[in-house]
Amino acid sequence: MKKLALFALITGHFFADTHTDKLETRIKLLEQGLNALKTELKLVIEAEKSKPKLSNPSKGLIIKKPNTKQYIKVGGRMMIDYSFLSADQGLINKFNPNLKNSSEFRRARIHIAGATNDKISYKLSYEFSKANATIKDTFIKYKSNSQKGLRIGHTVEPFGLEYMNSSKYITFMERSVIDAFYPKYNSGIFYMDEDPKKKFTWALGLFGDAGSDGKTGLVGKSVWNTTARFIYDPYYKNNGKHYLHLGFAQSHRNSNGNSISFSITPGSHLWNKKFNTTGNISANSTDLYGLEFLWNKDKLSVQSEYVKSEVNAVNGLDSEFSGWYVFASYFLTNDHRPYNRKYRLSSRVKPNSDYTKGGRGAWQIAARYSTLDLNDTSAKVFGGKVNSQTFGLNWHLTSNTRVMWNYVLSDHQTLGDSKSFNMRLQIDF
């Protein structure tokens, strides 16, 4: 019996050792497999990190390269306008304007913007609302450590608070009658102070007159135009709901005996005739001077500009023209008109109550009075004088979508009045 028990103990111990060895081998294999999985997972994670990432859709389509400052952003805007036009008989007899109720794509624009690092960025923008595509903001930009920005390419000149402000953010469907004076988009060099913390900032530019393709006829130093803008913001309070903006701009434009002209048709882009125009003036040069004012307190905003043009004519009959506007806007909802301190312009309205999320959006009313005098009897220029009133209602459904209604009544002195009722559907991304 003792021998049998001893045999069982020895064989049991043997088989136990064999089982333990197999278990340890399996554990080692499992550990090796687990380590291999960890290594593979780490490689997958690193590969995912290195892939370009899409940003929050609410900020537009932005593709970013991880661990770098590189990104590409695709954006655009679309504005569909409807206009109902009428004019007094005096205007009809002289200009025979289109009085048909009409609609158009006022803007259909696509842009690509991006950066190669934290210093160098770029933008390419084209407008497709016309028969032929036209170039808009298309430039390369260098930003210094001291918050200075240098643009080289085709861009808006630093003149005119109303015109420099993007069409996405302007309060009315069309800009005021002093739009006749703005230099608008040209090709050149644009250097500006972009420090949002400063009260005083400036912008300087050297430009050549460019067509819709961005080409200029630069043949010598005298064909360059110089434009400068100086801004003083005494205060910016309450998270941007209370601010004051004061500005001055000047532009010297060389014509070298070529013809220039100033013209405008207020109210609607769908008018097919210019009711006020100086006609062609052979000029050596033109000097533009502009004053800017913008004040905002919570829901209420007031904006105004004055522009004067002095033309040095070839025939010695120098002429002067001028115009100004003032408007006030007020939000019926708990919203305000934001201000971009980097560029010193008004910015995107972001409704506190998003209509697509069950809210009512932001509702804004506005009224503007503007006047333009293109007469200079001493220089024998009779471009006419116009006083224009605009009443607007804006419904911002979201920060990227709005509906606009404008009624415009313009007095063209002895020729009578032009009237337009306009509506716009707008979206941007």
Protein backbone atom coordinates (compact mmCIF):
# COMPACT_ATOMS: atom_id res chain seq x y z
CA MET A 1 0.00 0.00 0.00
CA LYS A 2 2.87 2.32 0.89
CA LYS A 3 4.58 1.52 -2.41
CA LEU A 4 1.41 2.33 -4.34
CA ALA A 5 1.02 5.68 -2.58
CA LEU A 6 4.65 6.57 -3.25
CA PHE A 7 4.21 5.73 -6.96
CA ALA A 8 1.12 7.90 -7.21
CA LEU A 9 2.91 10.81 -5.52
CA ILE A 10 5.89 10.61 -7.90
CA THR A 11 3.78 10.31 -11.10
CA GLY A 12 1.45 13.09 -9.94
CA HIS A 13 4.37 15.40 -9.32
CA PHE A 14 5.74 14.57 -12.78
CA PHE A 15 2.49 15.33 -14.58
CA ALA A 16 2.05 18.54 -12.49
CA ASP A 17 5.47 19.77 -13.60
CA THR A 18 4.62 19.01 -17.22
CA HIS A 19 1.34 20.98 -16.99
CA THR A 20 3.08 23.95 -15.35
CA ASP A 21 5.70 24.07 -18.11
CA LYS A 22 3.01 24.12 -20.81
CA LEU A 23 1.10 26.88 -18.97
CA GLU A 24 4.23 29.03 -18.66
CA THR A 25 4.95 28.54 -22.36
CA ARG A 26 1.42 29.64 -23.26
CA ILE A 27 1.70 32.70 -21.00
CA LYS A 28 4.97 33.68 -22.70
CA LEU A 29 3.34 33.30 -26.13
CA LEU A 30 0.39 35.42 -25.02
CA GLU A 31 2.74 38.12 -23.70
CA GLN A 32 4.63 38.14 -27.00
CA GLY A 33 1.39 38.42 -28.92
CA LEU A 34 0.16 41.22 -26.66
CA ASN A 35 3.40 43.15 -27.12
CA ALA A 36 3.10 42.72 -30.89
CA LEU A 37 -0.46 44.09 -30.76
CA LYS A 38 0.68 47.05 -28.67
CA THR A 39 3.41 47.82 -31.21
CA GLU A 40 0.95 47.55 -34.10
CA LEU A 41 -1.60 49.74 -32.30
CA LYS A 42 1.06 52.35 -31.62
CA LEU A 43 2.00 52.40 -35.31
CA VAL A 44 -1.67 52.79 -36.28
CA ILE A 45 -2.14 55.66 -33.83
CA GLU A 46 0.97 57.44 -35.11
CA ALA A 47 -0.21 56.96 -38.69
CA GLU A 48 -3.62 58.44 -37.83
CA LYS A 49 -1.98 61.42 -36.15
CA SER A 50 0.04 62.15 -39.28
CA LYS A 51 -3.07 62.22 -41.49
CA PRO A 52 -4.71 65.60 -42.34
CA LYS A 53 -7.68 66.40 -40.12
CA LEU A 54 -10.96 68.11 -40.98
CA SER A 55 -11.94 70.99 -38.74
CA ASN A 56 -15.27 71.76 -37.13
CA PRO A 57 -17.74 72.09 -40.07
CA SER A 58 -19.18 75.31 -38.58
CA LYS A 59 -15.86 77.03 -39.30
CA GLY A 60 -15.77 75.92 -42.92
CA LEU A 61 -13.88 73.11 -44.60
CA ILE A 62 -10.36 73.25 -43.17
CA ILE A 63 -7.78 70.51 -43.68
CA LYS A 64 -4.93 70.71 -41.18
CA LYS A 65 -1.63 68.85 -41.12
CA PRO A 66 -0.99 67.66 -37.53
CA ASN A 67 1.94 69.03 -35.56
CA THR A 68 2.45 71.84 -38.08
CA LYS A 69 0.95 75.23 -38.93
CA GLN A 70 -0.03 74.06 -42.40
CA TYR A 71 -3.68 74.13 -43.41
CA ILE A 72 -5.96 74.60 -46.43
CA LYS A 73 -9.40 76.18 -46.16
CA VAL A 74 -12.07 76.10 -48.86
CA GLY A 75 -14.80 78.72 -48.62
CA GLY A 76 -17.25 80.72 -50.65
CA ARG A 77 -20.40 82.82 -50.72
CA MET A 78 -23.59 82.95 -52.75
CA MET A 79 -26.01 85.88 -52.88
CA ILE A 80 -29.23 85.76 -54.88
CA ASP A 81 -30.95 89.13 -55.41
CA TYR A 82 -34.47 90.08 -56.47
CA SER A 83 -35.30 93.69 -57.40
CA PHE A 84 -38.48 95.59 -58.25
CA LEU A 85 -37.52 98.85 -60.00
CA SER A 86 -39.31 102.09 -60.83
CA ALA A 87 -38.26 105.60 -61.93
CA ASP A 88 -39.83 108.97 -62.65
CA GLN A 89 -40.39 110.07 -66.23
CA GLY A 90 -37.41 112.44 -66.25
CA LEU A 91 -34.99 109.57 -65.62
CA ILE A 92 -36.80 107.37 -68.14
CA ASN A 93 -36.60 110.05 -70.85
CA LYS A 94 -32.87 110.66 -70.32
CA PHE A 95 -31.55 107.16 -69.60
CA ASN A 96 -34.22 104.69 -70.75
CA PRO A 97 -33.35 102.33 -67.88
CA ASN A 98 -34.44 98.75 -67.40
CA LEU A 99 -37.64 98.79 -65.35
CA LYS A 100 -38.26 95.05 -65.43
CA ASN A 101 -38.48 93.16 -62.16
CA SER A 102 -35.30 91.13 -62.19
CA SER A 103 -33.12 88.69 -60.29
CA GLU A 104 -29.45 87.79 -60.42
CA PHE A 105 -26.64 85.98 -58.67
CA ARG A 106 -25.11 89.09 -57.14
CA ARG A 107 -22.12 87.11 -55.96
CA ALA A 108 -21.01 83.52 -56.49
CA ARG A 109 -17.51 83.31 -55.11
CA ILE A 110 -15.10 80.51 -54.25
CA HIS A 111 -11.84 80.92 -52.40
CA ILE A 112 -8.99 78.77 -51.19
CA ALA A 113 -6.86 80.04 -48.33
CA GLY A 114 -4.10 78.44 -46.32
CA ALA A 115 -0.70 78.67 -44.70
CA THR A 116 2.63 76.92 -45.12
CA ASN A 117 3.79 77.87 -41.61
CA ASP A 118 3.05 80.47 -38.93
CA LYS A 119 4.62 83.23 -41.08
CA ILE A 120 3.48 82.65 -44.65
CA SER A 121 -0.15 82.36 -45.79
CA TYR A 122 -2.04 82.77 -49.05
CA LYS A 123 -5.47 83.24 -50.58
CA LEU A 124 -6.95 82.65 -54.02
CA SER A 125 -10.45 84.03 -54.71
CA TYR A 126 -12.56 84.11 -57.87
CA GLU A 127 -15.98 85.59 -58.59
CA PHE A 128 -18.24 83.63 -60.98
CA SER A 129 -21.40 85.76 -60.98
CA LYS A 130 -20.42 87.52 -64.22
CA ALA A 131 -20.03 86.09 -67.72
CA ASN A 132 -16.28 85.80 -67.16
CA ALA A 133 -14.68 84.86 -63.86
CA THR A 134 -13.01 87.82 -62.14
CA ILE A 135 -10.19 87.78 -59.65
CA LYS A 136 -10.71 89.10 -56.12
CA ASP A 137 -8.46 88.64 -53.08
CA THR A 138 -5.48 86.69 -54.45
CA PHE A 139 -2.25 87.25 -52.59
CA ILE A 140 0.67 85.86 -50.60
CA LYS A 141 1.04 87.19 -47.07
CA TYR A 142 3.98 87.35 -44.67
CA LYS A 143 3.34 87.99 -40.97
CA SER A 144 6.15 89.23 -38.73
CA ASN A 145 6.66 88.58 -35.02
CA SER A 146 5.52 92.14 -34.29
CA GLN A 147 1.98 91.56 -35.67
CA LYS A 148 2.71 93.28 -39.01
CA GLY A 149 1.26 91.81 -42.19
CA LEU A 150 2.65 92.20 -45.71
CA ARG A 151 0.42 91.25 -48.67
CA ILE A 152 1.70 90.98 -52.23
CA GLY A 153 -0.84 90.36 -54.98
CA HIS A 154 -4.36 91.43 -55.87
CA THR A 155 -6.26 92.79 -52.87
CA VAL A 156 -8.57 95.55 -51.68
CA GLU A 157 -6.85 98.90 -51.11
CA PRO A 158 -6.95 100.28 -47.53
CA PHE A 159 -9.49 103.00 -48.27
CA GLY A 160 -13.11 103.08 -47.17
CA LEU A 161 -14.59 101.51 -44.06
CA GLU A 162 -17.68 100.49 -45.99
CA TYR A 163 -15.87 98.99 -48.98
CA MET A 164 -13.11 97.21 -47.07
CA ASN A 165 -15.79 95.45 -45.07
CA SER A 166 -16.70 92.13 -46.65
CA SER A 167 -19.98 91.95 -48.54
CA LYS A 168 -20.82 89.08 -46.17
CA TYR A 169 -21.00 91.50 -43.25
CA ILE A 170 -22.24 94.83 -44.64
CA THR A 171 -25.54 96.03 -43.17
CA PHE A 172 -27.25 96.86 -46.48
CA MET A 173 -27.43 94.92 -49.72
CA GLU A 174 -25.49 97.59 -51.61
CA ARG A 175 -22.97 100.09 -50.37
CA SER A 176 -23.77 103.80 -50.27
CA VAL A 177 -23.43 106.30 -53.14
CA ILE A 178 -19.84 107.18 -52.16
CA ASP A 179 -18.94 103.76 -53.56
CA ALA A 180 -18.25 105.84 -56.68
CA PHE A 181 -14.95 106.98 -55.12
CA TYR A 182 -13.52 103.79 -53.58
CA PRO A 183 -10.31 102.45 -55.26
CA LYS A 184 -11.53 98.87 -54.58
CA TYR A 185 -9.37 95.92 -55.74
CA ASN A 186 -5.98 96.41 -57.38
CA SER A 187 -2.61 94.66 -57.59
CA GLY A 188 0.27 95.79 -55.44
CA ILE A 189 1.91 95.69 -52.02
CA PHE A 190 -0.08 96.18 -48.81
CA TYR A 191 1.60 96.52 -45.39
CA MET A 192 -0.45 96.89 -42.21
CA ASP A 193 -0.30 96.73 -38.43
CA GLU A 194 -2.54 93.84 -37.29
CA ASP A 195 -2.00 94.03 -33.53
CA PRO A 196 -5.51 93.77 -31.99
CA LYS A 197 -4.33 95.16 -28.66
CA LYS A 198 -3.25 98.55 -30.00
CA LYS A 199 -5.54 101.56 -30.04
CA PHE A 200 -3.74 103.12 -33.02
CA THR A 201 -3.04 101.14 -36.19
CA TRP A 202 -2.19 101.89 -39.80
CA ALA A 203 -2.01 100.42 -43.30
CA LEU A 204 0.09 101.49 -46.28
CA GLY A 205 -0.10 100.32 -49.89
CA LEU A 206 1.48 100.78 -53.29
CA PHE A 207 -0.86 99.75 -56.12
CA GLY A 208 -1.26 99.76 -59.88
CA ASP A 209 -4.72 99.98 -61.45
CA ALA A 210 -5.70 96.44 -62.37
CA GLY A 211 -8.47 94.86 -64.39
CA SER A 212 -10.61 91.90 -63.38
CA ASP A 213 -7.73 89.59 -64.31
CA GLY A 214 -5.37 91.34 -61.88
CA LYS A 215 -3.10 92.72 -64.64
CA THR A 216 -1.66 96.22 -64.39
CA GLY A 217 0.02 98.51 -66.88
CA LEU A 218 3.00 99.30 -64.67
CA VAL A 219 5.60 100.93 -66.90
CA GLY A 220 7.25 103.43 -64.57
CA LYS A 221 7.23 104.85 -61.09
CA SER A 222 4.64 107.51 -61.93
CA VAL A 223 1.91 104.95 -62.57
CA TRP A 224 1.94 103.64 -59.01
CA ASN A 225 -0.83 104.73 -56.65
CA THR A 226 -0.22 105.20 -52.93
CA THR A 227 -2.94 104.56 -50.35
CA ALA A 228 -2.82 104.84 -46.57
CA ARG A 229 -5.29 104.32 -43.73
CA PHE A 230 -4.93 105.33 -40.07
CA ILE A 231 -7.28 104.05 -37.36
CA TYR A 232 -7.73 105.06 -33.74
CA ASP A 233 -9.94 102.99 -31.43
CA PRO A 234 -10.24 104.88 -28.12
CA TYR A 235 -12.08 102.05 -26.39
CA TYR A 236 -13.27 98.48 -26.84
CA LYS A 237 -15.35 97.23 -23.91
CA ASN A 238 -17.88 94.68 -22.70
CA ASN A 239 -16.55 91.83 -24.85
CA GLY A 240 -16.81 93.88 -28.02
CA LYS A 241 -20.33 95.18 -27.47
CA HIS A 242 -19.18 98.75 -26.82
CA TYR A 243 -16.52 100.32 -29.05
CA LEU A 244 -15.56 103.45 -30.99
CA HIS A 245 -13.68 103.57 -34.29
CA LEU A 246 -12.20 106.72 -35.88
CA GLY A 247 -10.32 106.67 -39.15
CA PHE A 248 -8.64 108.70 -41.87
CA ALA A 249 -7.57 107.49 -45.33
CA GLN A 250 -5.78 109.11 -48.25
CA SER A 251 -4.99 107.89 -51.76
CA HIS A 252 -2.90 109.57 -54.46
CA ARG A 253 -3.64 108.16 -57.90
CA ASN A 254 -1.59 108.84 -61.00
CA SER A 255 -3.42 108.90 -64.33
CA ASN A 256 -0.71 110.32 -66.65
CA GLY A 257 -3.27 112.00 -68.87
CA ASN A 258 -5.57 109.00 -69.11
CA SER A 259 -9.29 109.32 -68.55
CA ILE A 260 -10.99 108.76 -65.21
CA SER A 261 -14.65 108.94 -64.24
CA PHE A 262 -16.93 108.65 -61.21
CA SER A 263 -20.41 107.17 -61.51
CA ILE A 264 -23.10 105.47 -59.46
CA THR A 265 -26.59 104.03 -59.60
CA PRO A 266 -27.94 103.77 -56.06
CA GLY A 267 -30.12 101.08 -54.60
CA SER A 268 -29.84 98.03 -56.80
CA HIS A 269 -27.14 96.33 -58.84
CA LEU A 270 -29.81 95.41 -61.38
CA TRP A 271 -30.14 98.95 -62.74
CA ASN A 272 -28.56 98.86 -66.21
CA LYS A 273 -27.76 102.58 -66.43
CA LYS A 274 -25.63 104.97 -64.41
CA PHE A 275 -27.90 107.84 -63.38
CA ASN A 276 -25.02 109.95 -62.06
CA THR A 277 -21.70 110.13 -63.90
CA THR A 278 -18.97 112.71 -64.49
CA GLY A 279 -18.13 111.23 -67.88
CA ASN A 280 -14.48 110.86 -68.86
CA ILE A 281 -12.04 113.42 -67.46
CA SER A 282 -8.46 113.53 -68.76
CA ALA A 283 -6.43 113.75 -65.56
CA ASN A 284 -2.83 113.90 -64.44
CA SER A 285 -3.71 112.66 -60.97
CA THR A 286 -6.46 112.36 -58.38
CA ASP A 287 -6.33 112.69 -54.61
CA LEU A 288 -8.93 110.98 -52.41
CA TYR A 289 -9.51 111.83 -48.74
CA GLY A 290 -11.75 109.85 -46.43
CA LEU A 291 -13.02 110.10 -42.85
CA GLU A 292 -14.48 107.12 -40.94
CA PHE A 293 -16.69 106.85 -37.86
CA LEU A 294 -18.15 103.74 -36.23
CA TRP A 295 -19.74 103.50 -32.78
CA ASN A 296 -21.50 100.54 -31.19
CA LYS A 297 -23.24 100.12 -27.87
CA ASP A 298 -24.96 96.78 -27.34
CA LYS A 299 -27.78 96.51 -29.92
CA LEU A 300 -27.29 99.98 -31.45
CA SER A 301 -24.67 100.87 -34.06
CA VAL A 302 -23.95 104.14 -35.93
CA GLN A 303 -21.57 104.40 -38.90
CA SER A 304 -20.58 107.29 -41.17
CA GLU A 305 -18.02 108.24 -43.84
CA TYR A 306 -17.08 111.32 -45.84
CA VAL A 307 -15.01 111.18 -49.05
CA LYS A 308 -13.62 114.04 -51.13
CA SER A 309 -12.00 113.74 -54.57
CA GLU A 310 -9.65 116.33 -56.06
CA VAL A 311 -8.88 115.88 -59.76
CA ASN A 312 -5.82 117.48 -61.37
CA ALA A 313 -7.07 117.78 -64.94
CA VAL A 314 -4.91 117.91 -68.07
CA ASN A 315 -6.79 120.96 -69.42
CA GLY A 316 -6.16 122.88 -66.20
CA LEU A 317 -9.81 122.84 -65.11
CA ASP A 318 -9.28 121.00 -61.84
CA SER A 319 -12.43 119.63 -60.23
CA GLU A 320 -13.66 118.55 -56.80
CA PHE A 321 -16.39 116.07 -55.90
CA SER A 322 -17.60 114.76 -52.57
CA GLY A 323 -20.11 112.56 -50.78
CA TRP A 324 -21.03 111.15 -47.40
CA TYR A 325 -23.38 108.80 -45.64
CA VAL A 326 -24.61 108.04 -42.15
CA PHE A 327 -26.60 105.04 -40.97
CA ALA A 328 -27.91 103.54 -37.77
CA SER A 329 -28.82 99.92 -37.12
CA TYR A 330 -30.53 98.26 -34.17
CA PHE A 331 -31.05 94.61 -33.22
CA LEU A 332 -34.55 93.65 -32.17
CA THR A 333 -33.10 90.50 -30.62
CA ASN A 334 -30.39 90.13 -28.00
CA ASP A 335 -27.53 90.51 -30.48
CA HIS A 336 -24.90 93.06 -31.47
CA ARG A 337 -22.64 94.04 -34.37
CA PRO A 338 -19.15 92.53 -33.76
CA TYR A 339 -15.89 94.31 -34.52
CA ASN A 340 -12.66 92.76 -35.84
CA ARG A 341 -9.79 94.51 -34.06
CA LYS A 342 -7.17 92.85 -36.26
CA TYR A 343 -8.44 94.50 -39.45
CA ARG A 344 -10.48 97.32 -37.81
CA LEU A 345 -13.72 96.41 -39.57
CA SER A 346 -17.13 95.14 -38.52
CA SER A 347 -17.45 91.38 -38.48
CA ARG A 348 -19.83 88.41 -38.63
CA VAL A 349 -23.09 88.55 -36.68
CA LYS A 350 -23.47 85.40 -34.58
CA PRO A 351 -27.09 85.04 -33.44
CA ASN A 352 -27.58 84.12 -29.80
CA SER A 353 -30.62 82.14 -30.93
CA ASP A 354 -29.90 79.93 -33.95
CA TYR A 355 -32.98 79.49 -36.12
CA THR A 356 -31.94 75.99 -37.26
CA LYS A 357 -31.78 74.88 -33.63
CA GLY A 358 -35.25 76.04 -32.71
CA GLY A 359 -34.41 79.71 -32.09
CA ARG A 360 -35.55 82.81 -33.97
CA GLY A 361 -32.20 84.04 -35.28
CA ALA A 362 -31.05 87.66 -35.09
CA TRP A 363 -33.32 90.45 -36.40
CA GLN A 364 -31.85 93.84 -37.32
CA ILE A 365 -33.39 97.06 -38.64
CA ALA A 366 -31.36 99.83 -40.29
CA ALA A 367 -31.74 103.21 -42.02
CA ARG A 368 -29.18 105.11 -44.11
CA TYR A 369 -28.98 108.55 -45.71
CA SER A 370 -26.27 109.19 -48.30
CA THR A 371 -25.48 111.97 -50.73
CA LEU A 372 -23.12 112.37 -53.68
CA ASP A 373 -22.28 115.54 -55.62
CA LEU A 374 -20.61 115.01 -59.00
CA ASN A 375 -21.09 118.59 -60.15
CA ASP A 376 -18.30 121.16 -60.51
CA THR A 377 -19.51 124.14 -62.48
CA SER A 378 -16.08 125.82 -62.54
CA ALA A 379 -14.61 122.74 -64.25
CA LYS A 380 -17.70 122.34 -66.45
CA VAL A 381 -18.45 118.88 -65.09
CA PHE A 382 -22.12 118.09 -64.51
CA GLY A 383 -22.40 114.56 -63.18
CA GLY A 384 -25.46 115.35 -61.11
CA LYS A 385 -26.27 115.18 -57.44
CA VAL A 386 -28.18 112.40 -55.71
CA ASN A 387 -29.62 112.04 -52.22
CA SER A 388 -30.46 108.47 -51.33
CA GLN A 389 -32.41 106.90 -48.46
CA THR A 390 -32.25 103.19 -47.64
CA PHE A 391 -34.36 101.24 -45.16
CA GLY A 392 -33.37 97.70 -44.33
CA LEU A 393 -34.48 94.62 -42.43
CA ASN A 394 -32.03 91.73 -41.91
CA TRP A 395 -32.79 88.27 -40.61
CA HIS A 396 -29.68 86.32 -39.60
CA LEU A 397 -30.94 82.74 -39.42
CA THR A 398 -27.47 81.49 -38.48
CA SER A 399 -24.01 83.04 -38.46
CA ASN A 400 -23.62 81.95 -42.12
CA THR A 401 -27.12 82.53 -43.51
CA ARG A 402 -29.27 85.65 -43.75
CA VAL A 403 -32.19 87.16 -45.62
CA MET A 404 -32.16 90.91 -46.41
CA TRP A 405 -34.89 93.32 -47.47
CA ASN A 406 -34.04 96.87 -48.67
CA TYR A 407 -36.20 99.74 -49.87
CA VAL A 408 -34.22 102.52 -51.59
CA LEU A 409 -35.56 105.96 -52.58
CA SER A 410 -33.12 108.22 -54.45
CA ASP A 411 -33.68 111.85 -55.44
CA HIS A 412 -31.81 112.78 -58.63
CA GLN A 413 -32.63 116.47 -58.36
CA THR A 414 -34.36 117.81 -61.51
CA LEU A 415 -34.64 114.36 -63.12
CA GLY A 416 -36.88 112.89 -60.42
CA ASP A 417 -36.72 109.82 -58.20
CA SER A 418 -35.65 106.22 -58.63
CA LYS A 419 -37.07 103.52 -56.38
CA SER A 420 -36.24 99.90 -55.75
CA PHE A 421 -37.45 97.18 -53.44
CA ASN A 422 -34.85 94.47 -53.07
CA MET A 423 -34.48 91.09 -51.41
CA ARG A 424 -31.39 88.91 -50.95
CA LEU A 425 -30.84 85.32 -49.94
CA GLN A 426 -27.27 84.87 -48.71
CA ILE A 427 -25.14 81.96 -47.55
CA ASP A 428 -21.41 81.64 -47.02
CA PHE A 429 -19.09 78.92 -45.84
